[in-house]
């Protein structure tokens, strides 16, 4: 199990991303717009830099929802490979069985 502080830190990042998503998108649209003047682009980039670092989407770590493990993470079920195997063997995941041949 991962430390609770790292799990809580990641949850805080997820909240910040949701909070600042619209503001970031608007500033990035100004920056990438070719019709914007140099002053507008500079002002938008300064405002973007002043936003919290943890409000960027790429700062979120994919971690297992059950254990907090960050390595061996499967995106669709949102769990680690170890928990995926454990739950599949127990029959907890619908449609997934342990293969044998």
C-alpha atoms as a PDB file:
ATOM      1  CA  UNK A   1       0.000   0.000   0.000  1.00  0.00           C
ATOM      2  CA  UNK A   2       1.279   3.415  -0.905  1.00  0.00           C
ATOM      3  CA  UNK A   3       1.617   6.146   1.693  1.00  0.00           C
ATOM      4  CA  UNK A   4      -1.598   7.989   2.388  1.00  0.00           C
ATOM      5  CA  UNK A   5       0.152  11.316   1.819  1.00  0.00           C
ATOM      6  CA  UNK A   6       0.999  10.384  -1.785  1.00  0.00           C
ATOM      7  CA  UNK A   7      -2.552   9.178  -2.434  1.00  0.00           C
ATOM      8  CA  UNK A   8      -4.008  12.371  -0.943  1.00  0.00           C
ATOM      9  CA  UNK A   9      -1.557  14.513  -2.910  1.00  0.00           C
ATOM     10  CA  UNK A  10      -2.744  12.875  -6.123  1.00  0.00           C
ATOM     11  CA  UNK A  11      -6.399  13.450  -5.164  1.00  0.00           C
ATOM     12  CA  UNK A  12      -5.580  17.118  -4.571  1.00  0.00           C
ATOM     13  CA  UNK A  13      -4.038  17.305  -8.051  1.00  0.00           C
ATOM     14  CA  UNK A  14      -7.185  15.794  -9.582  1.00  0.00           C
ATOM     15  CA  UNK A  15      -9.329  18.465  -7.882  1.00  0.00           C
ATOM     16  CA  UNK A  16      -7.014  21.264  -9.044  1.00  0.00           C
ATOM     17  CA  UNK A  17      -7.062  19.999 -12.636  1.00  0.00           C
ATOM     18  CA  UNK A  18     -10.865  20.033 -12.614  1.00  0.00           C
ATOM     19  CA  UNK A  19     -10.944  23.498 -11.033  1.00  0.00           C
ATOM     20  CA  UNK A  20      -8.570  25.160 -13.519  1.00  0.00           C
ATOM     21  CA  UNK A  21      -9.405  23.181 -16.686  1.00  0.00           C
ATOM     22  CA  UNK A  22     -11.520  25.914 -18.335  1.00  0.00           C
ATOM     23  CA  UNK A  23      -9.077  28.694 -17.461  1.00  0.00           C
ATOM     24  CA  UNK A  24      -6.109  26.712 -18.810  1.00  0.00           C
ATOM     25  CA  UNK A  25      -7.984  25.849 -22.018  1.00  0.00           C
ATOM     26  CA  UNK A  26      -8.878  29.502 -22.630  1.00  0.00           C
ATOM     27  CA  UNK A  27      -5.295  30.692 -22.089  1.00  0.00           C
ATOM     28  CA  UNK A  28      -3.883  27.939 -24.301  1.00  0.00           C
ATOM     29  CA  UNK A  29      -6.370  28.853 -27.034  1.00  0.00           C
ATOM     30  CA  UNK A  30      -5.115  32.456 -26.968  1.00  0.00           C
ATOM     31  CA  UNK A  31      -1.501  31.300 -27.107  1.00  0.00           C
ATOM     32  CA  UNK A  32      -2.050  28.902 -30.010  1.00  0.00           C
ATOM     33  CA  UNK A  33      -4.263  31.308 -32.001  1.00  0.00           C
ATOM     34  CA  UNK A  34      -2.296  32.722 -34.933  1.00  0.00           C
ATOM     35  CA  UNK A  35      -4.433  35.859 -35.014  1.00  0.00           C
ATOM     36  CA  UNK A  36      -3.393  36.900 -31.490  1.00  0.00           C
ATOM     37  CA  UNK A  37      -0.895  39.712 -31.150  1.00  0.00           C
ATOM     38  CA  UNK A  38       2.470  39.209 -29.480  1.00  0.00           C
ATOM     39  CA  UNK A  39       1.332  41.186 -26.433  1.00  0.00           C
ATOM     40  CA  UNK A  40      -1.782  39.026 -25.985  1.00  0.00           C
ATOM     41  CA  UNK A  41       0.255  35.832 -26.308  1.00  0.00           C
ATOM     42  CA  UNK A  42       2.810  37.077 -23.787  1.00  0.00           C
ATOM     43  CA  UNK A  43       0.111  38.140 -21.313  1.00  0.00           C
ATOM     44  CA  UNK A  44      -1.666  34.796 -21.659  1.00  0.00           C
ATOM     45  CA  UNK A  45       1.567  32.854 -21.155  1.00  0.00           C
ATOM     46  CA  UNK A  46       2.347  34.866 -18.006  1.00  0.00           C
ATOM     47  CA  UNK A  47      -1.143  34.142 -16.633  1.00  0.00           C
ATOM     48  CA  UNK A  48      -0.720  30.449 -17.509  1.00  0.00           C
ATOM     49  CA  UNK A  49       2.602  30.353 -15.680  1.00  0.00           C
ATOM     50  CA  UNK A  50       1.018  31.876 -12.573  1.00  0.00           C
ATOM     51  CA  UNK A  51      -1.544  29.065 -12.284  1.00  0.00           C
ATOM     52  CA  UNK A  52      -0.663  26.300  -9.800  1.00  0.00           C
ATOM     53  CA  UNK A  53       1.700  23.681 -11.180  1.00  0.00           C
ATOM     54  CA  UNK A  54      -0.459  20.858  -9.928  1.00  0.00           C
ATOM     55  CA  UNK A  55      -3.377  22.112 -12.002  1.00  0.00           C
ATOM     56  CA  UNK A  56      -1.718  20.735 -15.143  1.00  0.00           C
ATOM     57  CA  UNK A  57      -3.272  17.456 -16.330  1.00  0.00           C
ATOM     58  CA  UNK A  58       0.074  15.752 -16.884  1.00  0.00           C
ATOM     59  CA  UNK A  59       0.919  16.067 -13.167  1.00  0.00           C
ATOM     60  CA  UNK A  60      -1.702  13.443 -12.244  1.00  0.00           C
ATOM     61  CA  UNK A  61      -0.212  10.008 -11.576  1.00  0.00           C
ATOM     62  CA  UNK A  62      -2.107   6.904 -12.604  1.00  0.00           C
ATOM     63  CA  UNK A  63      -2.292   4.903  -9.395  1.00  0.00           C
ATOM     64  CA  UNK A  64      -4.235   1.809  -8.386  1.00  0.00           C
ATOM     65  CA  UNK A  65      -7.506   2.715  -6.674  1.00  0.00           C
ATOM     66  CA  UNK A  66      -7.195  -0.223  -4.289  1.00  0.00           C
ATOM     67  CA  UNK A  67      -3.552  -0.103  -3.233  1.00  0.00           C
ATOM     68  CA  UNK A  68      -2.063   3.148  -4.546  1.00  0.00           C
ATOM     69  CA  UNK A  69       0.569   1.287  -6.586  1.00  0.00           C
ATOM     70  CA  UNK A  70       1.807   3.388  -9.517  1.00  0.00           C
ATOM     71  CA  UNK A  71       3.674   0.767 -11.555  1.00  0.00           C
ATOM     72  CA  UNK A  72       1.939  -1.922 -13.605  1.00  0.00           C
ATOM     73  CA  UNK A  73      -1.243   0.156 -13.908  1.00  0.00           C
ATOM     74  CA  UNK A  74      -4.098  -0.814 -16.248  1.00  0.00           C
ATOM     75  CA  UNK A  75      -6.041   2.240 -17.400  1.00  0.00           C
ATOM     76  CA  UNK A  76      -9.449   0.771 -18.106  1.00  0.00           C
ATOM     77  CA  UNK A  77     -10.070  -0.981 -14.765  1.00  0.00           C
ATOM     78  CA  UNK A  78      -7.885   1.617 -12.962  1.00  0.00           C
ATOM     79  CA  UNK A  79      -6.049  -1.014 -10.917  1.00  0.00           C
ATOM     80  CA  UNK A  80      -2.560  -2.471 -10.804  1.00  0.00           C
ATOM     81  CA  UNK A  81      -1.572  -5.741 -12.447  1.00  0.00           C
ATOM     82  CA  UNK A  82      -1.322  -7.491  -9.084  1.00  0.00           C
ATOM     83  CA  UNK A  83      -4.842  -6.525  -8.035  1.00  0.00           C
ATOM     84  CA  UNK A  84      -6.156  -7.339 -11.520  1.00  0.00           C
ATOM     85  CA  UNK A  85      -4.808 -10.869 -11.266  1.00  0.00           C
ATOM     86  CA  UNK A  86      -6.096 -11.289  -7.705  1.00  0.00           C
ATOM     87  CA  UNK A  87      -9.603 -10.091  -8.550  1.00  0.00           C
ATOM     88  CA  UNK A  88      -9.711 -12.139 -11.768  1.00  0.00           C
ATOM     89  CA  UNK A  89      -8.778 -15.305  -9.865  1.00  0.00           C
ATOM     90  CA  UNK A  90     -11.514 -14.602  -7.330  1.00  0.00           C
ATOM     91  CA  UNK A  91     -14.056 -14.034 -10.135  1.00  0.00           C
ATOM     92  CA  UNK A  92     -14.698 -10.416  -9.118  1.00  0.00           C
ATOM     93  CA  UNK A  93     -14.145  -8.970 -12.608  1.00  0.00           C
ATOM     94  CA  UNK A  94     -16.993  -9.860 -15.008  1.00  0.00           C
ATOM     95  CA  UNK A  95     -15.922 -11.607 -18.186  1.00  0.00           C
ATOM     96  CA  UNK A  96     -12.367 -12.235 -17.023  1.00  0.00           C
ATOM     97  CA  UNK A  97     -11.128 -15.721 -16.178  1.00  0.00           C
ATOM     98  CA  UNK A  98      -7.711 -17.178 -15.583  1.00  0.00           C
ATOM     99  CA  UNK A  99      -6.505 -18.800 -18.746  1.00  0.00           C
ATOM    100  CA  UNK A 100      -5.421 -22.433 -18.777  1.00  0.00           C
ATOM    101  CA  UNK A 101      -4.410 -24.637 -21.692  1.00  0.00           C
END
